[in-house]
Structures are given as C-alpha cells and as structure tokens.
Amino acid sequence: MSHVPDEEENTFNTLGGFVMMRLGRIPAGADHFEWSGLRFEVMDMDERRVDKVLVALITARSEQDDKGLLPKM
C-alpha cells in the first residue's frame, strides 16, 4: 500500500501509527478493525510499538465466515 487515502489529514507516518489512530489507543495483540475493504489485525506488539500487522482483503465469503454463516473446515 503506497498511499493511504486521507493520509495528509492525519498525524501518522507508519502503519503502526495508522493502527493507533484508527483504534484511538495503543493496541494490544489480536486487536482488529476494518477500513476501506481491508481487515487489519495486530499480530505482535513490542511493548508500546506495533511490531506486526496482518492486512487482509475483505471478501463476501470472509464476511459470511465472520458471522458464522459458513461451516468451518
């Protein structure tokens, strides 16, 4: 992701800063949110620094999985 829409309006320079801005706090492991068709999940923290984030494209199937509509395999 080379450009984040509305980046100029916010005060973040890193993905970790973006995650903190969206959550409104310092995240904990496994915190997640959805934004612009993407799901962001904090995978690892290094004290107060976001170390790893999993970013996944949200699809109709994954939305159904989240609601428990599809059987787990």
C-alpha atoms as a PDB file:
ATOM      1  CA  MET A   1       0.000   0.000   0.000  1.00  0.00           C
ATOM      2  CA  SER A   2       1.888   3.063  -1.209  1.00  0.00           C
ATOM      3  CA  HIS A   3      -0.750   5.709  -0.456  1.00  0.00           C
ATOM      4  CA  VAL A   4      -3.332   5.802   2.294  1.00  0.00           C
ATOM      5  CA  PRO A   5      -6.357   7.976   1.444  1.00  0.00           C
ATOM      6  CA  ASP A   6      -6.737  10.959   3.788  1.00  0.00           C
ATOM      7  CA  GLU A   7      -3.155  10.460   4.988  1.00  0.00           C
ATOM      8  CA  GLU A   8      -2.476  14.196   4.750  1.00  0.00           C
ATOM      9  CA  GLU A   9      -5.317  14.920   7.196  1.00  0.00           C
ATOM     10  CA  ASN A  10      -3.908  12.667   9.917  1.00  0.00           C
ATOM     11  CA  THR A  11      -0.805  12.605  12.043  1.00  0.00           C
ATOM     12  CA  PHE A  12       0.725   9.224  11.288  1.00  0.00           C
ATOM     13  CA  ASN A  13       3.772   8.239   9.263  1.00  0.00           C
ATOM     14  CA  THR A  14       3.788   4.480   9.780  1.00  0.00           C
ATOM     15  CA  LEU A  15       1.375   1.563   9.638  1.00  0.00           C
ATOM     16  CA  GLY A  16       1.656   1.321  13.416  1.00  0.00           C
ATOM     17  CA  GLY A  17       0.666   4.982  13.700  1.00  0.00           C
ATOM     18  CA  PHE A  18      -2.291   4.369  11.393  1.00  0.00           C
ATOM     19  CA  VAL A  19      -3.429   1.426  13.548  1.00  0.00           C
ATOM     20  CA  MET A  20      -3.176   3.523  16.720  1.00  0.00           C
ATOM     21  CA  MET A  21      -5.076   6.389  15.083  1.00  0.00           C
ATOM     22  CA  ARG A  22      -7.907   4.094  13.941  1.00  0.00           C
ATOM     23  CA  LEU A  23      -8.185   2.349  17.333  1.00  0.00           C
ATOM     24  CA  GLY A  24      -7.785   5.569  19.306  1.00  0.00           C
ATOM     25  CA  ARG A  25      -5.314   3.963  21.713  1.00  0.00           C
ATOM     26  CA  ILE A  26      -2.197   1.834  21.941  1.00  0.00           C
ATOM     27  CA  PRO A  27      -3.322  -1.554  20.632  1.00  0.00           C
ATOM     28  CA  ALA A  28      -2.950  -4.969  22.191  1.00  0.00           C
ATOM     29  CA  GLY A  29      -2.238  -8.193  20.341  1.00  0.00           C
ATOM     30  CA  ALA A  30      -5.258  -9.515  18.398  1.00  0.00           C
ATOM     31  CA  ASP A  31      -6.939  -6.074  18.232  1.00  0.00           C
ATOM     32  CA  HIS A  32      -8.512  -5.635  14.831  1.00  0.00           C
ATOM     33  CA  PHE A  33     -10.630  -3.266  12.766  1.00  0.00           C
ATOM     34  CA  GLU A  34     -11.939  -2.913   9.239  1.00  0.00           C
ATOM     35  CA  TRP A  35     -11.218   0.036   6.986  1.00  0.00           C
ATOM     36  CA  SER A  36     -11.800   0.629   3.292  1.00  0.00           C
ATOM     37  CA  GLY A  37     -12.431  -3.033   2.448  1.00  0.00           C
ATOM     38  CA  LEU A  38      -9.441  -4.270   4.447  1.00  0.00           C
ATOM     39  CA  ARG A  39      -9.174  -6.024   7.812  1.00  0.00           C
ATOM     40  CA  PHE A  40      -6.211  -5.035   9.983  1.00  0.00           C
ATOM     41  CA  GLU A  41      -5.197  -7.310  12.866  1.00  0.00           C
ATOM     42  CA  VAL A  42      -2.373  -6.599  15.296  1.00  0.00           C
ATOM     43  CA  MET A  43      -0.304  -9.774  15.360  1.00  0.00           C
ATOM     44  CA  ASP A  44       2.560  -8.683  17.626  1.00  0.00           C
ATOM     45  CA  MET A  45       3.472  -5.773  19.882  1.00  0.00           C
ATOM     46  CA  ASP A  46       6.930  -4.776  21.116  1.00  0.00           C
ATOM     47  CA  GLU A  47       5.945  -3.062  24.359  1.00  0.00           C
ATOM     48  CA  ARG A  48       4.139   0.081  23.063  1.00  0.00           C
ATOM     49  CA  ARG A  49       5.240  -0.344  19.429  1.00  0.00           C
ATOM     50  CA  VAL A  50       3.162  -2.163  16.829  1.00  0.00           C
ATOM     51  CA  ASP A  51       5.525  -4.840  15.501  1.00  0.00           C
ATOM     52  CA  LYS A  52       3.387  -6.925  13.100  1.00  0.00           C
ATOM     53  CA  VAL A  53       0.030  -6.299  11.428  1.00  0.00           C
ATOM     54  CA  LEU A  54      -1.888  -8.724   9.237  1.00  0.00           C
ATOM     55  CA  VAL A  55      -3.797  -6.929   6.476  1.00  0.00           C
ATOM     56  CA  ALA A  56      -6.392  -8.955   4.565  1.00  0.00           C
ATOM     57  CA  LEU A  57      -8.815  -8.067   1.800  1.00  0.00           C
ATOM     58  CA  ILE A  58     -12.403  -8.474   2.958  1.00  0.00           C
ATOM     59  CA  THR A  59     -14.462 -10.628   0.618  1.00  0.00           C
ATOM     60  CA  ALA A  60     -18.106 -11.683   0.708  1.00  0.00           C
ATOM     61  CA  ARG A  61     -17.001 -15.147   1.839  1.00  0.00           C
ATOM     62  CA  SER A  62     -14.851 -13.832   4.711  1.00  0.00           C
ATOM     63  CA  GLU A  63     -17.741 -11.611   5.881  1.00  0.00           C
ATOM     64  CA  GLN A  64     -20.003 -14.687   5.982  1.00  0.00           C
ATOM     65  CA  ASP A  65     -17.319 -16.645   7.861  1.00  0.00           C
ATOM     66  CA  ASP A  66     -17.137 -13.847  10.478  1.00  0.00           C
ATOM     67  CA  LYS A  67     -20.905 -14.059  11.007  1.00  0.00           C
ATOM     68  CA  GLY A  68     -20.771 -17.837  11.428  1.00  0.00           C
ATOM     69  CA  LEU A  69     -22.830 -18.446   8.300  1.00  0.00           C
ATOM     70  CA  LEU A  70     -20.374 -20.844   6.706  1.00  0.00           C
ATOM     71  CA  PRO A  71     -19.268 -24.129   8.268  1.00  0.00           C
ATOM     72  CA  LYS A  72     -15.679 -24.305   9.467  1.00  0.00           C
ATOM     73  CA  MET A  73     -13.478 -26.710   7.544  1.00  0.00           C
END
